[in-house]
Amino acid sequence: MSVCRQYVGVGVLDGLMYAIGGYDGHKYLKSVEVYRPSDGVWSSVADMEICRYSPGVAVLDGLLYVFGGELKGSSIVDTVEVYNPKTNIWTMERLSRNGVKIYGGVVVDRPPNCIN
């Protein structure tokens, strides 16, 4: 990686590993790097809109979801950013302010033929 990261969020999408946000020892990060195992190279992709320290990361339907985490080490972030690797663009959604605090999460993708 080009940046040393502590408390980084990590997600794997289409066989690529994404290192998201974190803290470099001096500042909080909104930068994102992707590792391609086929060639052993790290490269940068578009930055998120805000810095995130210790965010949650999930993958669903070809998109990377980054949620929660801390902003500047004190306040919990109440947004979700969604990355589309085909366009290299992040979009942001704000969550309800009704006491929402996100510390982590998981996605379970139910098979389409699954009966409730």
C-alpha atoms as a PDB file:
ATOM      1  CA  MET A   1       0.000   0.000   0.000  1.00  0.00           C
ATOM      2  CA  SER A   2       1.102   3.542  -0.508  1.00  0.00           C
ATOM      3  CA  VAL A   3      -0.287   4.599   2.900  1.00  0.00           C
ATOM      4  CA  CYS A   4       0.202   2.806   6.223  1.00  0.00           C
ATOM      5  CA  ARG A   5      -3.295   2.369   7.731  1.00  0.00           C
ATOM      6  CA  GLN A   6      -4.487   1.555  11.244  1.00  0.00           C
ATOM      7  CA  TYR A   7      -8.157   0.733  11.932  1.00  0.00           C
ATOM      8  CA  VAL A   8      -8.758   0.311   8.212  1.00  0.00           C
ATOM      9  CA  GLY A   9     -11.953  -1.178   6.761  1.00  0.00           C
ATOM     10  CA  VAL A  10     -11.391  -4.131   4.434  1.00  0.00           C
ATOM     11  CA  GLY A  11     -13.696  -5.627   1.812  1.00  0.00           C
ATOM     12  CA  VAL A  12     -13.303  -8.113  -1.025  1.00  0.00           C
ATOM     13  CA  LEU A  13     -15.237  -7.532  -4.236  1.00  0.00           C
ATOM     14  CA  ASP A  14     -14.772  -9.546  -7.441  1.00  0.00           C
ATOM     15  CA  GLY A  15     -11.539 -11.055  -6.112  1.00  0.00           C
ATOM     16  CA  LEU A  16      -9.998  -7.652  -5.326  1.00  0.00           C
ATOM     17  CA  MET A  17      -9.201  -6.499  -1.776  1.00  0.00           C
ATOM     18  CA  TYR A  18     -10.059  -2.918  -0.802  1.00  0.00           C
ATOM     19  CA  ALA A  19      -8.344  -1.062   2.075  1.00  0.00           C
ATOM     20  CA  ILE A  20     -10.714   1.723   3.098  1.00  0.00           C
ATOM     21  CA  GLY A  21     -10.098   4.783   5.262  1.00  0.00           C
ATOM     22  CA  GLY A  22      -8.376   4.328   8.614  1.00  0.00           C
ATOM     23  CA  TYR A  23      -5.684   6.357  10.341  1.00  0.00           C
ATOM     24  CA  ASP A  24      -2.090   6.791   9.183  1.00  0.00           C
ATOM     25  CA  GLY A  25      -0.691   7.866  12.563  1.00  0.00           C
ATOM     26  CA  HIS A  26      -1.149  11.571  11.796  1.00  0.00           C
ATOM     27  CA  LYS A  27      -4.499  12.020  10.068  1.00  0.00           C
ATOM     28  CA  TYR A  28      -7.810  10.262   9.412  1.00  0.00           C
ATOM     29  CA  LEU A  29      -8.215   8.950   5.886  1.00  0.00           C
ATOM     30  CA  LYS A  30     -10.867   8.948   3.191  1.00  0.00           C
ATOM     31  CA  SER A  31      -8.554   7.366   0.640  1.00  0.00           C
ATOM     32  CA  VAL A  32      -9.104   3.858  -0.719  1.00  0.00           C
ATOM     33  CA  GLU A  33      -6.632   1.417  -2.237  1.00  0.00           C
ATOM     34  CA  VAL A  34      -7.303  -1.842  -4.062  1.00  0.00           C
ATOM     35  CA  TYR A  35      -5.046  -4.914  -4.213  1.00  0.00           C
ATOM     36  CA  ARG A  36      -5.073  -7.068  -7.336  1.00  0.00           C
ATOM     37  CA  PRO A  37      -3.664 -10.502  -6.465  1.00  0.00           C
ATOM     38  CA  SER A  38      -3.241 -11.387 -10.156  1.00  0.00           C
ATOM     39  CA  ASP A  39      -0.390  -8.888 -10.480  1.00  0.00           C
ATOM     40  CA  GLY A  40       0.426  -8.235  -6.793  1.00  0.00           C
ATOM     41  CA  VAL A  41      -0.122  -4.481  -7.138  1.00  0.00           C
ATOM     42  CA  TRP A  42      -1.895  -1.924  -4.950  1.00  0.00           C
ATOM     43  CA  SER A  43      -3.507   1.044  -6.670  1.00  0.00           C
ATOM     44  CA  SER A  44      -5.670   3.980  -5.625  1.00  0.00           C
ATOM     45  CA  VAL A  45      -9.338   4.364  -6.509  1.00  0.00           C
ATOM     46  CA  ALA A  46     -11.645   7.317  -5.889  1.00  0.00           C
ATOM     47  CA  ASP A  47     -11.664   8.731  -2.340  1.00  0.00           C
ATOM     48  CA  MET A  48     -14.760   8.454  -0.192  1.00  0.00           C
ATOM     49  CA  GLU A  49     -16.570  11.704   0.582  1.00  0.00           C
ATOM     50  CA  ILE A  50     -15.540  11.723   4.266  1.00  0.00           C
ATOM     51  CA  CYS A  51     -12.771  10.284   6.433  1.00  0.00           C
ATOM     52  CA  ARG A  52     -13.666   7.069   8.268  1.00  0.00           C
ATOM     53  CA  TYR A  53     -11.744   5.474  11.131  1.00  0.00           C
ATOM     54  CA  SER A  54     -12.651   1.808  11.757  1.00  0.00           C
ATOM     55  CA  PRO A  55     -15.612   1.586   9.350  1.00  0.00           C
ATOM     56  CA  GLY A  56     -17.747  -1.454   8.632  1.00  0.00           C
ATOM     57  CA  VAL A  57     -17.575  -2.860   5.102  1.00  0.00           C
ATOM     58  CA  ALA A  58     -19.977  -5.141   3.224  1.00  0.00           C
ATOM     59  CA  VAL A  59     -20.348  -6.292  -0.377  1.00  0.00           C
ATOM     60  CA  LEU A  60     -23.650  -6.920  -2.136  1.00  0.00           C
ATOM     61  CA  ASP A  61     -24.709  -7.033  -5.795  1.00  0.00           C
ATOM     62  CA  GLY A  62     -21.369  -5.844  -7.150  1.00  0.00           C
ATOM     63  CA  LEU A  63     -21.166  -2.794  -4.866  1.00  0.00           C
ATOM     64  CA  LEU A  64     -19.008  -2.028  -1.841  1.00  0.00           C
ATOM     65  CA  TYR A  65     -20.830  -0.549   1.187  1.00  0.00           C
ATOM     66  CA  VAL A  66     -18.866   1.367   3.821  1.00  0.00           C
ATOM     67  CA  PHE A  67     -20.776   2.367   6.920  1.00  0.00           C
ATOM     68  CA  GLY A  68     -20.329   3.844  10.343  1.00  0.00           C
ATOM     69  CA  GLY A  69     -16.878   4.174  11.778  1.00  0.00           C
ATOM     70  CA  GLU A  70     -15.620   7.246  13.549  1.00  0.00           C
ATOM     71  CA  LEU A  71     -14.884  10.715  12.283  1.00  0.00           C
ATOM     72  CA  LYS A  72     -11.750  12.249  13.790  1.00  0.00           C
ATOM     73  CA  GLY A  73     -11.752   9.660  16.568  1.00  0.00           C
ATOM     74  CA  SER A  74     -14.730  11.005  18.493  1.00  0.00           C
ATOM     75  CA  SER A  75     -18.090  11.024  16.718  1.00  0.00           C
ATOM     76  CA  ILE A  76     -19.779   8.021  15.133  1.00  0.00           C
ATOM     77  CA  VAL A  77     -20.456   8.497  11.430  1.00  0.00           C
ATOM     78  CA  ASP A  78     -24.160   8.153  10.548  1.00  0.00           C
ATOM     79  CA  THR A  79     -23.745   7.630   6.813  1.00  0.00           C
ATOM     80  CA  VAL A  80     -23.230   4.822   4.332  1.00  0.00           C
ATOM     81  CA  GLU A  81     -21.049   5.297   1.281  1.00  0.00           C
ATOM     82  CA  VAL A  82     -21.517   3.003  -1.709  1.00  0.00           C
ATOM     83  CA  TYR A  83     -18.719   2.353  -4.212  1.00  0.00           C
ATOM     84  CA  ASN A  84     -19.369   1.216  -7.763  1.00  0.00           C
ATOM     85  CA  PRO A  85     -16.132  -0.230  -9.193  1.00  0.00           C
ATOM     86  CA  LYS A  86     -17.465   0.012 -12.753  1.00  0.00           C
ATOM     87  CA  THR A  87     -17.752   3.810 -12.529  1.00  0.00           C
ATOM     88  CA  ASN A  88     -15.143   4.457  -9.787  1.00  0.00           C
ATOM     89  CA  ILE A  89     -17.731   6.650  -8.018  1.00  0.00           C
ATOM     90  CA  TRP A  90     -18.831   6.832  -4.369  1.00  0.00           C
ATOM     91  CA  THR A  91     -22.344   7.912  -3.373  1.00  0.00           C
ATOM     92  CA  MET A  92     -23.440   8.718   0.162  1.00  0.00           C
ATOM     93  CA  GLU A  93     -26.664   8.071   2.066  1.00  0.00           C
ATOM     94  CA  ARG A  94     -27.440   9.531   5.484  1.00  0.00           C
ATOM     95  CA  LEU A  95     -28.977   7.280   8.111  1.00  0.00           C
ATOM     96  CA  SER A  96     -31.645   8.336  10.567  1.00  0.00           C
ATOM     97  CA  ARG A  97     -30.347  10.411  13.462  1.00  0.00           C
ATOM     98  CA  ASN A  98     -32.520   8.506  15.957  1.00  0.00           C
ATOM     99  CA  GLY A  99     -29.606   7.233  18.009  1.00  0.00           C
ATOM    100  CA  VAL A 100     -28.082   5.183  15.205  1.00  0.00           C
ATOM    101  CA  LYS A 101     -24.539   4.069  15.936  1.00  0.00           C
ATOM    102  CA  ILE A 102     -22.954   1.544  13.616  1.00  0.00           C
ATOM    103  CA  TYR A 103     -19.914  -0.390  14.772  1.00  0.00           C
ATOM    104  CA  GLY A 104     -19.965  -3.244  12.253  1.00  0.00           C
ATOM    105  CA  GLY A 105     -22.242  -5.399  10.186  1.00  0.00           C
ATOM    106  CA  VAL A 106     -22.655  -8.316   7.860  1.00  0.00           C
ATOM    107  CA  VAL A 107     -24.555  -9.008   4.648  1.00  0.00           C
ATOM    108  CA  VAL A 108     -26.292 -12.326   4.064  1.00  0.00           C
ATOM    109  CA  ASP A 109     -27.217 -12.712   0.417  1.00  0.00           C
ATOM    110  CA  ARG A 110     -30.118 -15.150   0.260  1.00  0.00           C
ATOM    111  CA  PRO A 111     -30.193 -17.310  -2.891  1.00  0.00           C
ATOM    112  CA  PRO A 112     -32.982 -16.185  -5.284  1.00  0.00           C
ATOM    113  CA  ASN A 113     -34.759 -19.579  -5.048  1.00  0.00           C
ATOM    114  CA  CYS A 114     -34.872 -19.557  -1.254  1.00  0.00           C
ATOM    115  CA  ILE A 115     -38.392 -19.791   0.235  1.00  0.00           C
ATOM    116  CA  ASN A 116     -39.160 -17.768   3.373  1.00  0.00           C
END
